[in-house]
Amino acid sequence: MKSVDWPVFLLAFGGLILVTLPLVVSPESSKEAIDFIYAGLTLYLGPVYLWAGAGSLMFVGYLAFGPYASIVLGPPGESREFSDASWFSMLFCAGIASGLLYWGGIEWAYYYSAPPWGAEVGSPEAILWATSYPLFHWGFTAWAFYALPTVAVAYACHRGGETSYRLSRACRPLLGDRVEGAWGRAIDILFIVGILGGASTSLGLSTPMIAEGIGVLTGLNPSFEMQIWIVLLCSVIFATSVYVGLERGIRVLSNANLWMALGLIAFILIVGDTGFILKMGTASIGHVLQNFIAMNLWTDPVLDTGFVESWTIFYWAWWIAFAPFVGLFVARISRGRTIRQVILGTLFLGTAGAWIFFIVLGNYALSLELTGSLPVLQILEDRGGPATIIAVIASLPWPMVSLSVFCLVAILYLATTFDSAAYTIASGASRELGSGGDPDPLHRGFWAVAVAVLPLSLMGIGGLQSLRTASLVASLPLLGVGCLLAMSLIRALRNEVSRTS
């Protein structure tokens, strides 16, 4: 633990205690406060989040196709540390976490019941919007949020000479030596808070879903105690990964997880209504591309249904809260790639992977609803999201086998989230690791436990709203940090070009 930056460590841990304690001591009052905070922030700051999404997409697009696109993130002639397949699998597993398995099958159902853009419930137009919005929320804008800190930190560490994977160090071109003092520590603490908020949403959504699946498989009650045991199981998997290192730990977990998930998706595509899934998916992609700019900036000012606040702003806040975590992790594994390769790989491969899940799993569930094979909407209303997604998976042939594979994939995704989040937080709370160094295993282990505390507390008071608010509050200060990163990166790139010319 010699490399730990103790001021950052203690302040971040103290902040976690201050947030978690009220949730445990007074859950009812905490829930009321959480609802109030979410409503206030989305009412007044909603357009800011929408412009942040559009701005991030335009900024990384400029980097990918502008004068700096061919700059290598590393010394000249540096070879890539990981193969393209391993790089993508680690990027994808870190970027989408386990939330994709939760939302992939049921997100359309929420939009079907309360469609946007004034569409009539149950109409063909409502169905098209319902299958298009998940692709939008998990598409190019989401991955643009990730690409910005990825390139900023990768450039600072692999080419700019920084020896620590910290957001503050990537701001040195703008802030100078102030990154070594209070300014730098404030940025790093905000980054850790963002990870805790974003990870809380992912873990808080996925753990009840896994518990529901295990309950169906074993006949046990999917209680809160079972959710705690699931988190402990993921911690054991994580601990094993810690001690074998990044190369054999996260990489092996991510590769195995991605192939199992793709196998499950291929199975669903084959045994489901393949024609409907492909036709609906194609129509949804066309609809998103046709309306992409409008969807990015739509605030629903006339009808004011709350759709944008409940969904688009929630997702943008979640991605912003998660972006430093994904950015630092992907920066660590992107040594030797050009700026264009990192950005286009993140945007297009990440989007394609997420779209495959939503098109296959989501449209399979939609086909069950439309044909009357499974009352998906009724189950969602009566029993909630976790029970609904498990019911969808259980409708597949060989339901016990399908459920077992699904739960295993979800557990591995959860463990990968633990592993990657703890790795990134520990890196951010360490002093000097070197360009290819790893944080102390005990340090990573501590943050793996800490990452589990907040979502368990939020699950204890219940409700999706609590998880939404965790992301929203955590993301708010990171909006400013994102602007600092963008300005610092541009200054550093301009300085390099002026030196070489």
Protein backbone atom coordinates (compact mmCIF):
# COMPACT_ATOMS: atom_id res chain seq x y z
CA MET A 1 0.00 0.00 0.00
CA LYS A 2 3.03 2.30 -0.34
CA SER A 3 1.73 3.82 -3.58
CA VAL A 4 -1.60 4.97 -2.06
CA ASP A 5 -2.30 8.72 -2.16
CA TRP A 6 -3.72 8.86 1.36
CA PRO A 7 -5.42 12.31 1.21
CA VAL A 8 -7.40 11.26 -1.89
CA PHE A 9 -8.09 7.81 -0.41
CA LEU A 10 -9.34 9.11 2.95
CA LEU A 11 -11.44 11.96 1.55
CA ALA A 12 -13.11 9.69 -1.02
CA PHE A 13 -13.78 7.01 1.59
CA GLY A 14 -15.11 9.62 4.02
CA GLY A 15 -17.48 10.90 1.34
CA LEU A 16 -18.73 7.36 0.75
CA ILE A 17 -19.47 6.97 4.48
CA LEU A 18 -21.30 10.31 4.61
CA VAL A 19 -23.53 9.30 1.68
CA THR A 20 -24.17 5.72 2.79
CA LEU A 21 -24.85 6.33 6.50
CA PRO A 22 -28.16 8.24 6.06
CA LEU A 23 -29.41 5.57 3.62
CA VAL A 24 -28.89 2.90 6.28
CA VAL A 25 -30.00 4.88 9.35
CA SER A 26 -33.06 6.63 7.87
CA PRO A 27 -34.15 4.94 4.62
CA GLU A 28 -37.61 6.56 4.37
CA SER A 29 -36.35 10.11 4.79
CA SER A 30 -33.48 9.35 2.42
CA LYS A 31 -35.90 8.14 -0.25
CA GLU A 32 -37.94 11.36 -0.03
CA ALA A 33 -34.78 13.45 -0.29
CA ILE A 34 -33.59 11.41 -3.27
CA ASP A 35 -36.87 11.91 -5.15
CA PHE A 36 -36.76 15.66 -4.45
CA ILE A 37 -33.15 15.99 -5.64
CA TYR A 38 -33.80 14.08 -8.87
CA ALA A 39 -36.88 16.15 -9.75
CA GLY A 40 -35.07 19.43 -9.10
CA LEU A 41 -31.92 18.59 -11.02
CA THR A 42 -33.70 17.25 -14.09
CA LEU A 43 -36.09 20.22 -14.17
CA TYR A 44 -33.40 22.89 -14.24
CA LEU A 45 -30.37 21.13 -15.70
CA GLY A 46 -31.91 18.74 -18.22
CA PRO A 47 -30.93 20.74 -21.33
CA VAL A 48 -27.36 21.00 -20.02
CA TYR A 49 -27.05 17.20 -20.12
CA LEU A 50 -28.49 17.07 -23.64
CA TRP A 51 -25.98 19.64 -24.89
CA ALA A 52 -23.20 17.79 -23.08
CA GLY A 53 -24.06 14.68 -25.10
CA ALA A 54 -24.18 16.52 -28.41
CA GLY A 55 -20.98 18.41 -27.56
CA SER A 56 -19.08 15.24 -26.63
CA LEU A 57 -20.06 13.58 -29.90
CA MET A 58 -18.94 16.57 -31.97
CA PHE A 59 -15.68 16.89 -30.02
CA VAL A 60 -14.58 13.27 -30.42
CA GLY A 61 -15.69 13.39 -34.05
CA TYR A 62 -13.33 16.32 -34.59
CA LEU A 63 -10.50 14.39 -32.90
CA ALA A 64 -11.14 11.28 -35.02
CA PHE A 65 -11.18 13.10 -38.36
CA GLY A 66 -9.17 16.24 -37.60
CA PRO A 67 -5.45 17.02 -37.72
CA TYR A 68 -4.61 14.99 -34.59
CA ALA A 69 -6.24 11.71 -35.64
CA SER A 70 -3.03 9.87 -36.56
CA ILE A 71 -1.15 10.64 -33.32
CA VAL A 72 -0.14 7.40 -31.61
CA LEU A 73 -0.99 7.05 -27.91
CA GLY A 74 2.51 6.01 -26.96
CA PRO A 75 6.11 6.48 -28.05
CA PRO A 76 6.79 6.26 -31.82
CA GLY A 77 6.76 2.66 -32.99
CA GLU A 78 4.97 1.46 -29.85
CA SER A 79 3.20 -1.88 -30.40
CA ARG A 80 -0.28 -2.61 -29.09
CA GLU A 81 -0.39 -4.27 -25.69
CA PHE A 82 -3.59 -6.23 -26.42
CA SER A 83 -5.06 -7.78 -29.55
CA ASP A 84 -8.05 -6.09 -31.17
CA ALA A 85 -10.39 -8.84 -29.91
CA SER A 86 -9.16 -8.61 -26.30
CA TRP A 87 -9.18 -4.81 -26.42
CA PHE A 88 -12.78 -4.73 -27.61
CA SER A 89 -13.99 -7.35 -25.14
CA MET A 90 -12.49 -5.46 -22.18
CA LEU A 91 -13.78 -2.12 -23.48
CA PHE A 92 -17.26 -3.53 -24.06
CA CYS A 93 -17.56 -5.35 -20.73
CA ALA A 94 -16.40 -2.27 -18.83
CA GLY A 95 -18.55 0.13 -20.87
CA ILE A 96 -21.90 -1.62 -20.76
CA ALA A 97 -21.45 -3.39 -17.41
CA SER A 98 -24.23 -5.79 -16.47
CA GLY A 99 -26.97 -3.23 -17.10
CA LEU A 100 -27.23 -4.31 -20.75
CA LEU A 101 -28.64 -7.71 -19.74
CA TYR A 102 -31.25 -5.97 -17.60
CA TRP A 103 -32.37 -3.30 -20.04
CA GLY A 104 -31.76 -5.31 -23.22
CA GLY A 105 -34.96 -7.31 -22.89
CA ILE A 106 -37.36 -4.86 -21.25
CA GLU A 107 -36.42 -1.24 -21.95
CA TRP A 108 -38.76 -1.18 -24.94
CA ALA A 109 -41.66 -2.14 -22.63
CA TYR A 110 -41.38 1.08 -20.62
CA TYR A 111 -41.49 3.15 -23.82
CA TYR A 112 -44.31 1.04 -25.28
CA SER A 113 -46.47 1.82 -22.24
CA ALA A 114 -45.61 5.54 -22.20
CA PRO A 115 -44.33 6.39 -25.70
CA PRO A 116 -42.48 9.62 -26.53
CA TRP A 117 -43.19 12.19 -29.25
CA GLY A 118 -46.96 12.07 -28.66
CA ALA A 119 -47.37 8.58 -30.11
CA GLU A 120 -50.53 6.69 -29.18
CA VAL A 121 -50.02 3.76 -26.80
CA GLY A 122 -49.97 0.46 -28.68
CA SER A 123 -49.77 2.06 -32.14
CA PRO A 124 -47.19 1.00 -34.75
CA GLU A 125 -45.55 4.40 -34.26
CA ALA A 126 -45.26 3.78 -30.50
CA ILE A 127 -43.73 0.35 -31.13
CA LEU A 128 -41.15 1.85 -33.49
CA TRP A 129 -40.19 4.54 -30.97
CA ALA A 130 -40.07 1.89 -28.23
CA THR A 131 -37.55 -0.22 -30.14
CA SER A 132 -35.56 2.79 -31.40
CA TYR A 133 -34.92 4.65 -28.15
CA PRO A 134 -32.89 1.85 -26.52
CA LEU A 135 -30.55 1.95 -29.54
CA PHE A 136 -30.27 5.71 -29.16
CA HIS A 137 -29.63 5.62 -25.40
CA TRP A 138 -26.92 2.95 -25.75
CA GLY A 139 -25.52 4.23 -29.04
CA PHE A 140 -23.04 6.77 -30.38
CA THR A 141 -23.66 9.54 -27.83
CA ALA A 142 -23.17 7.18 -24.89
CA TRP A 143 -19.86 5.92 -26.25
CA ALA A 144 -18.76 9.49 -27.06
CA PHE A 145 -19.00 10.24 -23.33
CA TYR A 146 -16.55 7.36 -22.80
CA ALA A 147 -14.20 8.26 -25.65
CA LEU A 148 -13.41 11.76 -24.40
CA PRO A 149 -11.71 10.84 -21.07
CA THR A 150 -10.19 7.76 -22.71
CA VAL A 151 -8.20 9.80 -25.22
CA ALA A 152 -7.37 12.55 -22.71
CA VAL A 153 -5.93 10.15 -20.12
CA ALA A 154 -4.29 7.86 -22.70
CA TYR A 155 -2.51 10.81 -24.30
CA ALA A 156 -1.36 12.17 -20.93
CA CYS A 157 -0.01 8.81 -19.72
CA HIS A 158 1.23 7.11 -22.88
CA ARG A 159 2.57 10.16 -24.71
CA GLY A 160 2.62 13.09 -22.29
CA GLY A 161 4.89 11.50 -19.70
CA GLU A 162 2.41 11.27 -16.82
CA THR A 163 3.07 8.34 -14.50
CA SER A 164 -0.34 7.96 -12.87
CA TYR A 165 -3.74 7.11 -14.36
CA ARG A 166 -5.61 10.02 -12.82
CA LEU A 167 -8.02 12.51 -14.36
CA SER A 168 -6.17 15.33 -12.66
CA ARG A 169 -2.93 14.52 -14.50
CA ALA A 170 -4.73 14.76 -17.84
CA CYS A 171 -5.65 18.36 -16.89
CA ARG A 172 -2.01 19.44 -16.45
CA PRO A 173 -1.80 21.30 -19.81
CA LEU A 174 -4.54 23.65 -18.56
CA LEU A 175 -3.98 23.71 -14.77
CA GLY A 176 -0.20 23.31 -14.67
CA ASP A 177 1.35 22.29 -11.37
CA ARG A 178 -1.94 22.91 -9.58
CA VAL A 179 -2.83 19.30 -10.41
CA GLU A 180 -0.33 18.31 -7.71
CA GLY A 181 -2.27 20.24 -5.06
CA ALA A 182 -5.85 20.86 -3.98
CA TRP A 183 -7.20 21.24 -7.52
CA GLY A 184 -5.84 17.89 -8.58
CA ARG A 185 -7.08 16.09 -5.50
CA ALA A 186 -10.55 17.63 -5.90
CA ILE A 187 -10.74 16.32 -9.48
CA ASP A 188 -9.63 12.83 -8.42
CA ILE A 189 -12.15 12.72 -5.57
CA LEU A 190 -14.96 13.77 -7.93
CA PHE A 191 -13.82 11.03 -10.30
CA ILE A 192 -14.05 8.40 -7.53
CA VAL A 193 -17.49 9.70 -6.49
CA GLY A 194 -18.60 9.41 -10.12
CA ILE A 195 -17.49 5.79 -10.33
CA LEU A 196 -19.29 4.95 -7.08
CA GLY A 197 -22.49 6.56 -8.37
CA GLY A 198 -22.33 4.94 -11.81
CA ALA A 199 -21.37 1.52 -10.46
CA SER A 200 -24.17 1.75 -7.89
CA THR A 201 -26.70 2.02 -10.70
CA SER A 202 -25.25 -0.95 -12.60
CA LEU A 203 -24.92 -3.20 -9.57
CA GLY A 204 -28.25 -2.11 -8.13
CA LEU A 205 -30.07 -3.06 -11.33
CA SER A 206 -28.32 -6.35 -11.98
CA THR A 207 -28.18 -7.95 -8.54
CA PRO A 208 -31.98 -8.25 -8.06
CA MET A 209 -32.24 -9.69 -11.59
CA ILE A 210 -29.65 -12.38 -10.81
CA ALA A 211 -31.40 -13.13 -7.51
CA GLU A 212 -34.70 -13.56 -9.36
CA GLY A 213 -33.07 -15.97 -11.81
CA ILE A 214 -31.44 -18.03 -9.06
CA GLY A 215 -34.79 -18.08 -7.26
CA VAL A 216 -36.48 -19.62 -10.30
CA LEU A 217 -33.67 -22.16 -10.72
CA THR A 218 -33.52 -23.23 -7.07
CA GLY A 219 -36.96 -22.46 -5.68
CA LEU A 220 -35.42 -20.14 -3.09
CA ASN A 221 -36.88 -16.75 -2.22
CA PRO A 222 -34.99 -13.98 -4.11
CA SER A 223 -34.58 -11.93 -0.93
CA PHE A 224 -32.30 -9.03 -0.09
CA GLU A 225 -30.08 -11.52 1.76
CA MET A 226 -29.65 -13.49 -1.48
CA GLN A 227 -28.58 -10.29 -3.20
CA ILE A 228 -25.88 -9.83 -0.56
CA TRP A 229 -24.64 -13.39 -1.20
CA ILE A 230 -24.52 -12.67 -4.93
CA VAL A 231 -22.36 -9.60 -4.29
CA LEU A 232 -20.09 -11.74 -2.10
CA LEU A 233 -19.80 -14.36 -4.87
CA CYS A 234 -18.82 -11.66 -7.34
CA SER A 235 -16.26 -10.44 -4.82
CA VAL A 236 -14.68 -13.92 -4.71
CA ILE A 237 -14.44 -13.98 -8.51
CA PHE A 238 -13.00 -10.49 -8.36
CA ALA A 239 -10.44 -11.43 -5.70
CA THR A 240 -9.19 -14.27 -7.88
CA SER A 241 -8.86 -11.89 -10.81
CA VAL A 242 -6.94 -9.37 -8.70
CA TYR A 243 -4.19 -11.77 -7.79
CA VAL A 244 -3.58 -12.99 -11.33
CA GLY A 245 -3.32 -9.43 -12.68
CA LEU A 246 -4.76 -7.42 -15.57
CA GLU A 247 -3.41 -9.60 -18.38
CA ARG A 248 -4.77 -12.91 -17.05
CA GLY A 249 -7.53 -11.50 -14.84
CA ILE A 250 -9.81 -8.90 -16.39
CA ARG A 251 -8.78 -9.92 -19.93
CA VAL A 252 -9.71 -13.58 -19.43
CA LEU A 253 -12.94 -12.70 -17.61
CA SER A 254 -13.95 -10.24 -20.33
CA ASN A 255 -13.14 -12.59 -23.22
CA ALA A 256 -15.03 -15.51 -21.66
CA ASN A 257 -17.94 -13.29 -20.76
CA LEU A 258 -18.28 -11.76 -24.21
CA TRP A 259 -18.22 -15.12 -26.01
CA MET A 260 -20.80 -16.62 -23.65
CA ALA A 261 -23.06 -13.58 -24.06
CA LEU A 262 -22.77 -13.69 -27.86
CA GLY A 263 -23.55 -17.41 -27.78
CA LEU A 264 -26.70 -16.72 -25.78
CA ILE A 265 -27.75 -13.95 -28.18
CA ALA A 266 -27.16 -16.22 -31.20
CA PHE A 267 -29.29 -18.92 -29.56
CA ILE A 268 -32.15 -16.44 -28.98
CA LEU A 269 -31.94 -15.23 -32.58
CA ILE A 270 -32.14 -18.80 -33.91
CA VAL A 271 -34.96 -20.13 -31.70
CA GLY A 272 -36.96 -16.88 -31.63
CA ASP A 273 -38.96 -15.27 -34.41
CA THR A 274 -35.86 -14.60 -36.50
CA GLY A 275 -37.66 -12.79 -39.31
CA PHE A 276 -39.45 -10.39 -36.96
CA ILE A 277 -36.29 -9.74 -34.92
CA LEU A 278 -34.25 -8.84 -38.00
CA LYS A 279 -36.98 -6.74 -39.66
CA MET A 280 -37.79 -4.83 -36.46
CA GLY A 281 -34.10 -4.31 -35.78
CA THR A 282 -33.48 -2.96 -39.27
CA ALA A 283 -36.45 -0.59 -39.01
CA SER A 284 -35.27 0.63 -35.60
CA ILE A 285 -31.75 1.38 -36.84
CA GLY A 286 -33.17 3.35 -39.76
CA HIS A 287 -35.50 5.25 -37.43
CA VAL A 288 -32.66 6.19 -35.07
CA LEU A 289 -30.40 7.37 -37.88
CA GLN A 290 -33.24 9.38 -39.44
CA ASN A 291 -34.10 11.14 -36.15
CA PHE A 292 -30.69 11.16 -34.47
CA ILE A 293 -30.18 14.93 -34.15
CA ALA A 294 -33.76 15.52 -33.00
CA MET A 295 -33.53 12.76 -30.37
CA ASN A 296 -30.28 14.24 -29.03
CA LEU A 297 -31.83 17.66 -28.43
CA TRP A 298 -35.52 16.88 -27.78
CA THR A 299 -36.76 18.36 -24.47
CA ASP A 300 -40.50 17.63 -24.87
CA PRO A 301 -41.39 21.27 -24.02
CA VAL A 302 -45.05 21.15 -25.13
CA LEU A 303 -46.44 17.85 -23.85
CA ASP A 304 -43.94 17.74 -20.95
CA THR A 305 -44.57 14.04 -20.31
CA GLY A 306 -41.40 13.58 -18.26
CA PHE A 307 -40.00 11.07 -20.76
CA VAL A 308 -36.78 13.00 -21.37
CA GLU A 309 -36.15 13.56 -17.66
CA SER A 310 -36.89 9.95 -16.72
CA TRP A 311 -34.90 8.33 -19.49
CA THR A 312 -32.57 10.35 -21.73
CA ILE A 313 -31.23 12.59 -18.96
CA PHE A 314 -30.95 9.60 -16.62
CA TYR A 315 -28.90 7.72 -19.22
CA TRP A 316 -26.68 10.71 -20.03
CA ALA A 317 -26.04 11.20 -16.30
CA TRP A 318 -25.24 7.49 -15.94
CA TRP A 319 -22.77 7.58 -18.83
CA ILE A 320 -21.13 10.77 -17.50
CA ALA A 321 -20.77 9.24 -14.03
CA PHE A 322 -19.33 6.07 -15.56
CA ALA A 323 -17.18 7.85 -18.16
CA PRO A 324 -14.08 8.49 -16.00
CA PHE A 325 -14.09 4.85 -14.89
CA VAL A 326 -14.38 3.53 -18.45
CA GLY A 327 -12.04 6.23 -19.76
CA LEU A 328 -9.21 5.45 -17.35
CA PHE A 329 -9.60 1.72 -17.81
CA VAL A 330 -9.69 1.88 -21.62
CA ALA A 331 -6.79 4.36 -21.58
CA ARG A 332 -4.76 1.77 -19.68
CA ILE A 333 -5.36 -0.88 -22.38
CA SER A 334 -5.07 1.43 -25.44
CA ARG A 335 -1.31 1.98 -25.50
CA GLY A 336 0.04 1.89 -29.07
CA ARG A 337 -3.23 2.81 -30.84
CA THR A 338 -3.88 6.07 -32.69
CA ILE A 339 -6.45 8.61 -31.54
CA ARG A 340 -8.62 7.73 -34.55
CA GLN A 341 -8.45 4.00 -33.81
CA VAL A 342 -9.43 4.46 -30.17
CA ILE A 343 -12.33 6.83 -30.89
CA LEU A 344 -13.79 4.97 -33.87
CA GLY A 345 -13.30 1.62 -32.15
CA THR A 346 -15.07 2.90 -29.04
CA LEU A 347 -17.93 4.57 -30.93
CA PHE A 348 -18.66 2.02 -33.63
CA LEU A 349 -17.71 -1.29 -31.99
CA GLY A 350 -19.28 -0.30 -28.68
CA THR A 351 -22.48 0.85 -30.37
CA ALA A 352 -22.65 -2.24 -32.61
CA GLY A 353 -22.23 -4.58 -29.64
CA ALA A 354 -24.96 -2.87 -27.63
CA TRP A 355 -27.32 -2.74 -30.61
CA ILE A 356 -26.96 -6.48 -31.22
CA PHE A 357 -28.14 -7.17 -27.67
CA PHE A 358 -31.11 -4.81 -27.87
CA ILE A 359 -32.18 -5.88 -31.34
CA VAL A 360 -32.14 -9.59 -30.53
CA LEU A 361 -33.15 -9.74 -26.86
CA GLY A 362 -35.52 -6.76 -26.96
CA ASN A 363 -37.33 -7.74 -30.15
CA TYR A 364 -37.58 -11.35 -28.97
CA ALA A 365 -39.41 -10.08 -25.87
CA LEU A 366 -41.55 -7.77 -28.00
CA SER A 367 -42.54 -10.68 -30.25
CA LEU A 368 -43.69 -12.60 -27.17
CA GLU A 369 -45.93 -9.68 -26.19
CA LEU A 370 -47.38 -9.09 -29.67
CA THR A 371 -48.15 -12.78 -30.29
CA GLY A 372 -49.60 -13.33 -26.82
CA SER A 373 -46.98 -15.96 -25.95
CA LEU A 374 -45.99 -14.07 -22.79
CA PRO A 375 -47.73 -11.02 -21.23
CA VAL A 376 -44.51 -9.05 -20.85
CA LEU A 377 -46.19 -5.71 -20.11
CA GLN A 378 -48.47 -7.23 -17.48
CA ILE A 379 -45.58 -8.99 -15.73
CA LEU A 380 -43.62 -5.74 -15.73
CA GLU A 381 -46.52 -3.87 -14.15
CA ASP A 382 -47.30 -6.55 -11.56
CA ARG A 383 -43.86 -7.88 -10.61
CA GLY A 384 -41.26 -5.37 -11.82
CA GLY A 385 -38.24 -5.44 -14.10
CA PRO A 386 -36.14 -8.29 -12.64
CA ALA A 387 -39.04 -10.77 -12.72
CA THR A 388 -39.92 -9.69 -16.27
CA ILE A 389 -36.49 -10.26 -17.80
CA ILE A 390 -36.22 -13.64 -16.08
CA ALA A 391 -39.68 -14.59 -17.41
CA VAL A 392 -38.52 -13.65 -20.93
CA ILE A 393 -35.41 -15.84 -20.64
CA ALA A 394 -37.43 -18.68 -19.11
CA SER A 395 -39.69 -18.68 -22.20
CA LEU A 396 -36.78 -19.97 -24.31
CA PRO A 397 -36.41 -23.67 -25.15
CA TRP A 398 -34.64 -25.62 -22.39
CA PRO A 399 -35.54 -22.88 -19.89
CA MET A 400 -33.40 -24.15 -17.02
CA VAL A 401 -30.30 -24.32 -19.22
CA SER A 402 -31.05 -20.91 -20.76
CA LEU A 403 -31.59 -19.37 -17.34
CA SER A 404 -28.42 -20.93 -15.98
CA VAL A 405 -26.33 -19.51 -18.82
CA PHE A 406 -28.02 -16.11 -18.49
CA CYS A 407 -27.35 -15.94 -14.74
CA LEU A 408 -23.74 -17.05 -15.22
CA VAL A 409 -23.17 -14.35 -17.85
CA ALA A 410 -24.79 -11.76 -15.57
CA ILE A 411 -22.63 -12.80 -12.60
CA LEU A 412 -19.48 -12.60 -14.73
CA TYR A 413 -20.51 -9.16 -16.00
CA LEU A 414 -21.08 -8.09 -12.40
CA ALA A 415 -17.68 -9.45 -11.35
CA THR A 416 -16.02 -7.71 -14.30
CA THR A 417 -17.68 -4.44 -13.24
CA PHE A 418 -16.36 -4.91 -9.69
CA ASP A 419 -12.91 -5.72 -11.01
CA SER A 420 -12.65 -2.87 -13.51
CA ALA A 421 -14.18 -0.28 -11.15
CA ALA A 422 -11.90 -1.26 -8.26
CA TYR A 423 -8.87 -1.26 -10.58
CA THR A 424 -9.70 2.23 -11.83
CA ILE A 425 -10.49 3.74 -8.42
CA ALA A 426 -7.29 2.29 -6.97
CA SER A 427 -5.34 3.74 -9.90
CA GLY A 428 -6.93 7.14 -9.30
CA ALA A 429 -6.05 7.02 -5.59
CA SER A 430 -2.42 5.97 -6.18
CA ARG A 431 0.54 8.31 -6.58
CA GLU A 432 2.91 6.95 -9.22
CA LEU A 433 2.26 3.71 -11.10
CA GLY A 434 4.17 4.27 -14.31
CA SER A 435 2.63 4.01 -17.77
CA GLY A 436 2.05 0.27 -17.50
CA GLY A 437 1.90 -0.16 -13.74
CA ASP A 438 -0.94 -1.70 -11.71
CA PRO A 439 -2.24 -0.60 -8.29
CA ASP A 440 -1.61 -2.69 -5.19
CA PRO A 441 -3.91 -5.78 -4.98
CA LEU A 442 -4.94 -4.93 -1.40
CA HIS A 443 -5.82 -1.41 -2.50
CA ARG A 444 -7.99 -2.81 -5.30
CA GLY A 445 -9.59 -5.27 -2.91
CA PHE A 446 -10.58 -2.50 -0.52
CA TRP A 447 -12.33 -0.52 -3.24
CA ALA A 448 -14.10 -3.64 -4.51
CA VAL A 449 -15.78 -3.88 -1.10
CA ALA A 450 -16.48 -0.14 -1.06
CA VAL A 451 -18.07 -0.26 -4.53
CA ALA A 452 -20.58 -2.81 -3.19
CA VAL A 453 -21.60 -0.81 -0.11
CA LEU A 454 -23.47 2.06 -1.80
CA PRO A 455 -25.63 -0.01 -4.21
CA LEU A 456 -26.56 -2.39 -1.39
CA SER A 457 -27.70 0.62 0.64
CA LEU A 458 -29.68 2.00 -2.30
CA MET A 459 -31.28 -1.39 -2.94
CA GLY A 460 -32.23 -1.46 0.73
CA ILE A 461 -34.43 1.63 0.35
CA GLY A 462 -35.71 0.25 -2.97
CA GLY A 463 -36.72 1.69 -6.28
CA LEU A 464 -35.22 2.55 -9.64
CA GLN A 465 -35.50 6.24 -8.72
CA SER A 466 -32.81 5.90 -6.05
CA LEU A 467 -30.41 4.38 -8.57
CA ARG A 468 -31.21 7.09 -11.12
CA THR A 469 -30.48 9.79 -8.57
CA ALA A 470 -27.14 8.21 -7.64
CA SER A 471 -25.96 8.61 -11.24
CA LEU A 472 -27.41 12.10 -11.62
CA VAL A 473 -25.84 13.53 -8.47
CA ALA A 474 -22.49 11.84 -9.15
CA SER A 475 -22.41 13.11 -12.72
CA LEU A 476 -23.13 16.78 -11.98
CA PRO A 477 -19.60 17.91 -10.99
CA LEU A 478 -18.10 15.67 -13.69
CA LEU A 479 -19.70 17.87 -16.35
CA GLY A 480 -17.16 20.54 -15.42
CA VAL A 481 -14.32 18.03 -15.25
CA GLY A 482 -15.20 16.88 -18.77
CA CYS A 483 -14.81 20.44 -20.05
CA LEU A 484 -11.40 20.70 -18.35
CA LEU A 485 -10.30 17.42 -19.97
CA ALA A 486 -11.38 18.57 -23.43
CA MET A 487 -9.61 21.93 -23.16
CA SER A 488 -6.47 20.35 -21.70
CA LEU A 489 -6.31 17.73 -24.44
CA ILE A 490 -6.65 20.30 -27.22
CA ARG A 491 -3.93 22.46 -25.65
CA ALA A 492 -1.59 19.46 -25.34
CA LEU A 493 -2.21 18.38 -28.93
CA ARG A 494 -1.65 21.90 -30.26
CA ASN A 495 1.58 22.18 -28.29
CA GLU A 496 2.84 18.89 -29.75
CA VAL A 497 1.98 19.90 -33.30
CA SER A 498 3.66 23.29 -32.88
CA ARG A 499 6.80 21.63 -31.47
CA THR A 500 7.09 19.11 -34.30
CA SER A 501 6.43 21.72 -37.00
